[in-house]
Amino acid sequence: MNNTEGYITKATPLLIQSGKELNMKKPLCLSSILVTSLALAACSNNNSSAADRDHNTSNPLNQAPEQPKENRISATRIKLTFNDKEVLIRMYDNPASMAFLAQLPLTITFEDYIGKEKISILQKRLSADDVQAGDLSKKGDFAYYAPWGNVAIFYKGFEDATNDLIILGQIESGKENVENIHGDFTVTIEKVTK
C-alpha cells in the first residue's frame, strides 16, 4: 500500500490532500480551464470564419448562381386578347419560347385546370429537347407542359414540382383578367411589335 500511496501522491497530489485545500483549488482549477477553453474557442471561431469568408469569395460555386440562359427574360412580349381584355407576357429566352413564338399568331381556347391554371392544348407541339425542365410554377407564369403539349397560364402558384414544365414567360400586366374569367374562353395570341 505504501508504494501505491507514494505513487498516487506524486502523480495526483490534489486527491490525497485535505478536503479543505481540495475545495479551494478545485474552483481555481476549473475557472482557469474554463477561461482557457473560452479563449481557444473564440480564436478558433474567428479563424474559421475568416477562412470560410475567404473560401466563399474565392470559390465560384459558393457564390449566387448565374441565372441559367433558359430563364433569362428577353425583350420579346406577346399579347393575349379575349373578351375585350388583354394580358401582356414577357417571354424568356429559351428554345421552347422561341418555338412558341414561331407559331404566332394563334387563336386557341383555354379552360380552367384544378383551380390554379388555365390550359390549352397546342395543335403543334413545341420542341423542348434542349430546354431544362422541372421548374416550379408561380402565379403569373406562362408555361408549356411537354407531356400533354399544352400551354398554361398560372393564376395561382402550384406547389408540386413536375419534371416536364417549362416556363416560357411571365405576365407583365393583366393578371387579374385571367384570374377573374370563368369557363372556357377563346384567346388570340400575337407578338407585340412595339
Protein backbone atom coordinates (compact mmCIF):
# COMPACT_ATOMS: atom_id res chain seq x y z
CA MET A 1 0.00 0.00 0.00
CA ASN A 2 2.82 2.39 0.79
CA ASN A 3 4.20 2.15 -2.74
CA THR A 4 0.78 2.88 -4.18
CA GLU A 5 0.20 5.83 -1.86
CA GLY A 6 3.56 7.31 -2.78
CA TYR A 7 2.86 6.89 -6.45
CA ILE A 8 -0.58 8.47 -6.16
CA THR A 9 0.77 11.30 -4.03
CA LYS A 10 3.38 12.17 -6.65
CA ALA A 11 1.03 11.78 -9.63
CA THR A 12 -2.11 13.40 -8.24
CA PRO A 13 -1.40 15.49 -5.18
CA LEU A 14 -4.88 17.08 -5.14
CA LEU A 15 -6.59 13.76 -4.47
CA ILE A 16 -4.52 12.94 -1.37
CA GLN A 17 -4.60 16.40 0.23
CA SER A 18 -7.14 17.53 2.78
CA GLY A 19 -10.71 18.25 1.75
CA LYS A 20 -10.37 21.94 2.59
CA GLU A 21 -7.42 22.50 0.28
CA LEU A 22 -9.07 20.47 -2.46
CA ASN A 23 -12.25 22.54 -2.30
CA MET A 24 -10.30 25.78 -2.67
CA LYS A 25 -8.08 24.57 -5.51
CA LYS A 26 -10.91 22.91 -7.44
CA PRO A 27 -12.76 26.18 -8.32
CA LEU A 28 -9.47 27.84 -9.24
CA CYS A 29 -8.53 24.95 -11.48
CA LEU A 30 -11.97 24.79 -13.09
CA SER A 31 -12.09 28.53 -13.70
CA SER A 32 -8.67 28.54 -15.35
CA ILE A 33 -9.72 25.61 -17.57
CA LEU A 34 -12.93 27.44 -18.46
CA VAL A 35 -11.11 30.69 -19.33
CA THR A 36 -8.57 28.80 -21.45
CA SER A 37 -11.34 26.88 -23.25
CA LEU A 38 -13.28 30.05 -24.00
CA ALA A 39 -10.17 31.79 -25.31
CA LEU A 40 -9.35 28.86 -27.57
CA ALA A 41 -12.94 28.64 -28.82
CA ALA A 42 -13.01 32.36 -29.59
CA CYS A 43 -9.75 32.15 -31.51
CA SER A 44 -10.83 29.12 -33.48
CA ASN A 45 -14.22 30.69 -34.38
CA ASN A 46 -12.57 33.87 -35.65
CA ASN A 47 -10.07 31.95 -37.71
CA SER A 48 -12.66 29.58 -39.19
CA SER A 49 -14.99 32.49 -40.02
CA ALA A 50 -12.22 34.32 -41.84
CA ALA A 51 -11.25 31.12 -43.62
CA ASP A 52 -14.87 30.48 -44.57
CA ARG A 53 -15.25 34.03 -45.88
CA ASP A 54 -12.07 33.71 -47.93
CA HIS A 55 -13.17 30.31 -49.22
CA ASN A 56 -16.66 31.55 -50.14
CA THR A 57 -15.39 34.55 -52.08
CA SER A 58 -12.73 32.61 -53.94
CA ASN A 59 -14.92 29.62 -54.82
CA PRO A 60 -17.35 30.46 -57.62
CA LEU A 61 -19.58 27.52 -56.63
CA ASN A 62 -20.42 29.25 -53.33
CA GLN A 63 -21.48 32.50 -54.94
CA ALA A 64 -25.01 33.20 -56.10
CA PRO A 65 -25.56 31.15 -59.23
CA GLU A 66 -25.82 32.97 -62.50
CA GLN A 67 -29.30 32.80 -63.93
CA PRO A 68 -29.38 29.97 -66.49
CA LYS A 69 -29.73 31.01 -70.10
CA GLU A 70 -33.07 29.20 -70.33
CA ASN A 71 -34.61 31.51 -67.71
CA ARG A 72 -33.29 34.86 -68.89
CA ILE A 73 -36.03 37.29 -69.71
CA SER A 74 -35.99 38.60 -73.27
CA ALA A 75 -37.21 41.84 -74.78
CA THR A 76 -39.94 39.93 -76.64
CA ARG A 77 -43.53 40.28 -75.45
CA ILE A 78 -46.77 38.66 -76.50
CA LYS A 79 -50.34 39.87 -76.10
CA LEU A 80 -53.30 37.64 -75.25
CA THR A 81 -56.66 39.16 -76.20
CA PHE A 82 -60.02 37.76 -75.02
CA ASN A 83 -63.43 39.20 -74.08
CA ASP A 84 -62.20 42.79 -74.69
CA LYS A 85 -59.36 42.19 -72.19
CA GLU A 86 -55.58 41.98 -72.64
CA VAL A 87 -52.72 40.19 -70.93
CA LEU A 88 -49.10 41.11 -71.72
CA ILE A 89 -46.42 38.47 -71.22
CA ARG A 90 -42.64 38.99 -71.32
CA MET A 91 -41.07 35.88 -72.83
CA TYR A 92 -37.96 34.07 -71.60
CA ASP A 93 -35.02 33.43 -73.87
CA ASN A 94 -35.13 29.64 -74.26
CA PRO A 95 -35.67 27.24 -77.20
CA ALA A 96 -39.24 26.34 -76.19
CA SER A 97 -40.21 30.04 -76.04
CA MET A 98 -38.70 30.61 -79.50
CA ALA A 99 -40.61 27.60 -80.86
CA PHE A 100 -43.84 29.01 -79.40
CA LEU A 101 -43.18 32.46 -80.90
CA ALA A 102 -42.67 30.83 -84.31
CA GLN A 103 -46.31 29.58 -84.20
CA LEU A 104 -47.80 33.04 -83.68
CA PRO A 105 -50.35 34.41 -84.31
CA LEU A 106 -52.61 31.78 -82.74
CA THR A 107 -56.25 31.55 -81.73
CA ILE A 108 -56.80 28.90 -79.07
CA THR A 109 -59.34 28.04 -76.38
CA PHE A 110 -58.32 27.93 -72.71
CA GLU A 111 -60.10 26.03 -69.94
CA ASP A 112 -59.61 26.00 -66.19
CA TYR A 113 -57.49 23.24 -64.72
CA ILE A 114 -57.55 22.36 -60.98
CA GLY A 115 -58.39 25.90 -59.93
CA LYS A 116 -54.81 27.11 -60.41
CA GLU A 117 -54.17 27.44 -64.11
CA LYS A 118 -55.79 27.96 -67.49
CA ILE A 119 -54.61 25.49 -70.13
CA SER A 120 -54.86 24.97 -73.87
CA ILE A 121 -53.54 22.07 -75.94
CA LEU A 122 -51.46 23.29 -78.89
CA GLN A 123 -52.12 21.77 -82.32
CA LYS A 124 -48.37 21.65 -82.95
CA ARG A 125 -46.12 20.56 -80.07
CA LEU A 126 -43.08 22.64 -79.15
CA SER A 127 -39.59 21.27 -79.49
CA ALA A 128 -38.31 21.07 -75.94
CA ASP A 129 -35.25 18.86 -76.48
CA ASP A 130 -32.59 21.28 -75.21
CA VAL A 131 -34.62 23.00 -72.52
CA GLN A 132 -34.05 22.35 -68.83
CA ALA A 133 -37.48 21.49 -67.46
CA GLY A 134 -38.67 20.89 -63.93
CA ASP A 135 -39.42 24.47 -62.93
CA LEU A 136 -41.81 25.23 -60.10
CA SER A 137 -44.61 27.44 -61.30
CA LYS A 138 -45.63 30.63 -59.59
CA LYS A 139 -48.52 32.99 -60.05
CA GLY A 140 -48.22 34.80 -63.36
CA ASP A 141 -46.13 32.18 -65.19
CA PHE A 142 -46.85 31.31 -68.81
CA ALA A 143 -45.61 27.74 -69.27
CA TYR A 144 -45.51 24.69 -71.52
CA TYR A 145 -46.25 21.18 -70.23
CA ALA A 146 -44.42 18.82 -72.60
CA PRO A 147 -46.28 15.50 -71.96
CA TRP A 148 -49.64 16.98 -72.91
CA GLY A 149 -48.38 19.59 -75.37
CA ASN A 150 -50.31 22.36 -73.65
CA VAL A 151 -49.59 25.94 -72.66
CA ALA A 152 -50.68 27.12 -69.23
CA ILE A 153 -51.27 30.44 -67.53
CA PHE A 154 -50.83 30.09 -63.77
CA TYR A 155 -53.15 32.39 -61.86
CA LYS A 156 -52.18 30.68 -58.59
CA GLY A 157 -48.88 29.09 -57.56
CA PHE A 158 -48.50 25.36 -57.93
CA GLU A 159 -46.61 23.68 -55.08
CA ASP A 160 -45.99 20.32 -56.74
CA ALA A 161 -42.90 20.12 -58.94
CA THR A 162 -43.03 18.39 -62.28
CA ASN A 163 -40.10 17.42 -64.46
CA ASP A 164 -41.92 18.40 -67.63
CA LEU A 165 -42.93 22.04 -67.02
CA ILE A 166 -41.04 24.70 -68.97
CA ILE A 167 -41.62 28.35 -68.10
CA LEU A 168 -41.99 30.32 -71.34
CA GLY A 169 -42.60 33.76 -69.85
CA GLN A 170 -44.04 35.90 -67.07
CA ILE A 171 -47.19 38.06 -67.08
CA GLU A 172 -46.33 41.77 -67.02
CA SER A 173 -49.87 43.11 -66.92
CA GLY A 174 -53.46 41.87 -66.93
CA LYS A 175 -53.00 39.04 -64.43
CA GLU A 176 -56.37 39.88 -62.88
CA ASN A 177 -58.06 39.33 -66.26
CA VAL A 178 -57.01 35.67 -66.17
CA GLU A 179 -57.97 35.24 -62.50
CA ASN A 180 -61.46 36.66 -62.97
CA ILE A 181 -62.58 34.72 -66.05
CA HIS A 182 -64.71 31.61 -65.56
CA GLY A 183 -65.36 28.80 -68.01
CA ASP A 184 -63.73 28.27 -71.39
CA PHE A 185 -62.57 31.32 -73.33
CA THR A 186 -61.02 31.89 -76.76
CA VAL A 187 -57.75 33.80 -76.89
CA THR A 188 -55.88 35.43 -79.75
CA ILE A 189 -52.13 35.43 -79.11
CA GLU A 190 -49.79 37.66 -81.09
CA LYS A 191 -46.30 39.00 -80.81
CA VAL A 192 -46.11 42.63 -79.64
CA THR A 193 -44.15 44.68 -82.15
CA LYS A 194 -43.76 47.92 -80.17
